[in-house]
Amino acid sequence: MNPQIFSRIGTQLSLYTGIILGVLVWGCSEDMREQPSFSYQESPRRHSPQGSVPQVDLTAFRTSLRQHDPGAYLFSINCAHCHGPEGMGDGPVAGYLPELPANLQAPAVQKKADDVLYGIVTDGKDVMPAFEKLLTHEERRDLVSFIRSLPDPRQSSNQRPPGSVQKKGMF
């Protein structure tokens, strides 16, 4: 056999091998983070069949408390555990505090100016923490507006009787 044939076959073989290896390496270059995956101890998500649609568009009916009344939302997260869901000072933590939280429905609280209430929310008072760094100016104003919207205890039957929240020991 002619040595030129071996040389030509060797060159072609090298060229084809290089092309095949290049395609293989190029195909493996995708990052693993781009592939569908799921977290540890999480079952894989099953996708809906292609072309399927929900029977009812539920997104039209979803309005959260945060969108509807931001003051009520902020109160439920930051204040209700001490002041209670109605602001009467009877939250689940109230009995463990050295001083009972203020009844925000009380006339003495409702008579205070908005700036005074805003200052209390901003700087805190007694055992109540300051919310200046936690809440924005607008969120603190929303809280004051929500406190203003609480019902007058003289007009409602759910007024907290004096001493209804018992002090609880820590142990």
Foldseek 3Di string as FASTA:
>chain_A
DDVVVVVVVVVVVVVVVVVVVVVVVVVPPDDPVPDDDDDPPDDGDDDDPPPDDDPDDCVVVDDDCCNVQVLLVCCVPQPCQQLNSLSQQQHVCQQADPHGDHRLLEPVNLPDDLVVQLCCQQPPDDPGHHCVPPDDSVNSSSNSVVSNVRHRCVPDPPHDDPPNRHRDYPD
